[in-house]
Amino acid sequence: SRQSALILAKTIREEGVRASRDIIKRPLEDSLALAREQNFRYAVAIGCKECAEGFAAIHDLAENTVQTVETASVASMVTLKKSGFAS
């Protein structure tokens, strides 16, 4: 939901990581392409058909990989990945 995305982006920013959310409803691949154009390393998809309730997909745009994690741990996972301590 939009509210979930706002809360997640705020939480990620509070961890010191640049975050933005796509406010236009579009296919996931188009959102990922936009994130690449804006030089984001990671994109987080919540509410996607690939994710069960309470989970999110962290897309590593440089490595072209996806990791599914609990939504509650997304901010800490992104922070760890950004610092190079998680895979």
C-alpha atoms as a PDB file:
ATOM      1  CA  SER A   1       0.000   0.000   0.000  1.00  0.00           C
ATOM      2  CA  ARG A   2       1.017   3.617  -0.358  1.00  0.00           C
ATOM      3  CA  GLN A   3       1.053   4.073   3.401  1.00  0.00           C
ATOM      4  CA  SER A   4       3.360   1.071   3.838  1.00  0.00           C
ATOM      5  CA  ALA A   5       5.708   2.465   1.195  1.00  0.00           C
ATOM      6  CA  LEU A   6       5.799   5.872   2.902  1.00  0.00           C
ATOM      7  CA  ILE A   7       6.577   4.332   6.277  1.00  0.00           C
ATOM      8  CA  LEU A   8       9.262   2.074   4.822  1.00  0.00           C
ATOM      9  CA  ALA A   9      10.951   4.938   2.929  1.00  0.00           C
ATOM     10  CA  LYS A  10      10.926   7.066   6.095  1.00  0.00           C
ATOM     11  CA  THR A  11      12.444   4.225   8.117  1.00  0.00           C
ATOM     12  CA  ILE A  12      15.178   3.670   5.524  1.00  0.00           C
ATOM     13  CA  ARG A  13      15.979   7.405   5.503  1.00  0.00           C
ATOM     14  CA  GLU A  14      16.224   7.355   9.295  1.00  0.00           C
ATOM     15  CA  GLU A  15      18.947   4.704   8.853  1.00  0.00           C
ATOM     16  CA  GLY A  16      20.885   7.242   6.773  1.00  0.00           C
ATOM     17  CA  VAL A  17      20.130   5.679   3.403  1.00  0.00           C
ATOM     18  CA  ARG A  18      18.776   7.708   0.473  1.00  0.00           C
ATOM     19  CA  ALA A  19      15.260   6.529  -0.316  1.00  0.00           C
ATOM     20  CA  SER A  20      12.509   7.429  -2.721  1.00  0.00           C
ATOM     21  CA  ARG A  21       9.256   5.818  -3.674  1.00  0.00           C
ATOM     22  CA  ASP A  22       7.608   5.510  -7.036  1.00  0.00           C
ATOM     23  CA  ILE A  23       4.335   7.413  -6.779  1.00  0.00           C
ATOM     24  CA  ILE A  24       3.057   6.337 -10.176  1.00  0.00           C
ATOM     25  CA  LYS A  25       1.325   2.981 -10.459  1.00  0.00           C
ATOM     26  CA  ARG A  26       3.293   1.067 -13.113  1.00  0.00           C
ATOM     27  CA  PRO A  27       4.650  -2.427 -13.742  1.00  0.00           C
ATOM     28  CA  LEU A  28       7.478  -3.489 -11.426  1.00  0.00           C
ATOM     29  CA  GLU A  29       9.988  -3.718 -14.281  1.00  0.00           C
ATOM     30  CA  ASP A  30       9.276  -0.098 -15.199  1.00  0.00           C
ATOM     31  CA  SER A  31       9.796   0.982 -11.583  1.00  0.00           C
ATOM     32  CA  LEU A  32      13.095  -0.926 -11.481  1.00  0.00           C
ATOM     33  CA  ALA A  33      14.187   0.737 -14.727  1.00  0.00           C
ATOM     34  CA  LEU A  34      13.413   4.145 -13.220  1.00  0.00           C
ATOM     35  CA  ALA A  35      15.424   3.281 -10.093  1.00  0.00           C
ATOM     36  CA  ARG A  36      18.386   2.296 -12.294  1.00  0.00           C
ATOM     37  CA  GLU A  37      18.116   5.587 -14.207  1.00  0.00           C
ATOM     38  CA  GLN A  38      18.209   7.454 -10.886  1.00  0.00           C
ATOM     39  CA  ASN A  39      21.325   5.488  -9.861  1.00  0.00           C
ATOM     40  CA  PHE A  40      19.769   3.588  -6.998  1.00  0.00           C
ATOM     41  CA  ARG A  41      21.673   0.428  -6.066  1.00  0.00           C
ATOM     42  CA  TYR A  42      18.664  -1.228  -4.416  1.00  0.00           C
ATOM     43  CA  ALA A  43      14.938  -1.163  -4.997  1.00  0.00           C
ATOM     44  CA  VAL A  44      12.454  -2.600  -2.542  1.00  0.00           C
ATOM     45  CA  ALA A  45       9.146  -3.985  -3.767  1.00  0.00           C
ATOM     46  CA  ILE A  46       6.339  -4.409  -1.266  1.00  0.00           C
ATOM     47  CA  GLY A  47       2.915  -5.724  -2.066  1.00  0.00           C
ATOM     48  CA  CYS A  48       4.195  -7.448  -5.186  1.00  0.00           C
ATOM     49  CA  LYS A  49       2.729 -10.722  -6.368  1.00  0.00           C
ATOM     50  CA  GLU A  50       6.056 -12.458  -5.680  1.00  0.00           C
ATOM     51  CA  CYS A  51       5.927 -11.479  -2.003  1.00  0.00           C
ATOM     52  CA  ALA A  52       3.700 -12.988   0.635  1.00  0.00           C
ATOM     53  CA  GLU A  53       1.999 -10.692   3.131  1.00  0.00           C
ATOM     54  CA  GLY A  54       4.586  -9.189   5.459  1.00  0.00           C
ATOM     55  CA  PHE A  55       7.492  -9.728   3.053  1.00  0.00           C
ATOM     56  CA  ALA A  56       9.344  -7.503   0.596  1.00  0.00           C
ATOM     57  CA  ALA A  57      11.707  -8.110  -2.294  1.00  0.00           C
ATOM     58  CA  ILE A  58      15.052  -6.284  -2.221  1.00  0.00           C
ATOM     59  CA  HIS A  59      16.309  -5.918  -5.792  1.00  0.00           C
ATOM     60  CA  ASP A  60      20.063  -5.409  -6.141  1.00  0.00           C
ATOM     61  CA  LEU A  61      20.112  -3.408  -9.355  1.00  0.00           C
ATOM     62  CA  ALA A  62      23.866  -3.751  -9.877  1.00  0.00           C
ATOM     63  CA  GLU A  63      24.021  -7.516  -9.363  1.00  0.00           C
ATOM     64  CA  ASN A  64      20.565  -8.170 -10.836  1.00  0.00           C
ATOM     65  CA  THR A  65      19.520 -10.311  -7.871  1.00  0.00           C
ATOM     66  CA  VAL A  66      16.472 -10.399  -5.620  1.00  0.00           C
ATOM     67  CA  GLN A  67      16.251 -11.297  -1.938  1.00  0.00           C
ATOM     68  CA  THR A  68      12.931 -11.743  -0.139  1.00  0.00           C
ATOM     69  CA  VAL A  69      12.910 -10.587   3.487  1.00  0.00           C
ATOM     70  CA  GLU A  70      10.382  -9.716   6.159  1.00  0.00           C
ATOM     71  CA  THR A  71       9.158  -6.165   5.652  1.00  0.00           C
ATOM     72  CA  ALA A  72      10.120  -5.285   9.230  1.00  0.00           C
ATOM     73  CA  SER A  73      13.791  -6.036   8.487  1.00  0.00           C
ATOM     74  CA  VAL A  74      14.088  -4.189   5.148  1.00  0.00           C
ATOM     75  CA  ALA A  75      15.644  -0.999   6.550  1.00  0.00           C
ATOM     76  CA  SER A  76      18.346  -2.859   8.465  1.00  0.00           C
ATOM     77  CA  MET A  77      19.052  -5.183   5.501  1.00  0.00           C
ATOM     78  CA  VAL A  78      19.429  -2.247   3.093  1.00  0.00           C
ATOM     79  CA  THR A  79      21.707  -0.485   5.575  1.00  0.00           C
ATOM     80  CA  LEU A  80      23.866  -3.605   5.962  1.00  0.00           C
ATOM     81  CA  LYS A  81      24.013  -4.162   2.201  1.00  0.00           C
ATOM     82  CA  LYS A  82      24.956  -0.521   1.627  1.00  0.00           C
ATOM     83  CA  SER A  83      27.826  -0.843   4.095  1.00  0.00           C
ATOM     84  CA  GLY A  84      28.973  -4.099   2.463  1.00  0.00           C
ATOM     85  CA  PHE A  85      28.297  -6.383   5.417  1.00  0.00           C
ATOM     86  CA  ALA A  86      25.427  -8.472   4.062  1.00  0.00           C
ATOM     87  CA  SER A  87      24.957 -10.608   1.005  1.00  0.00           C
END
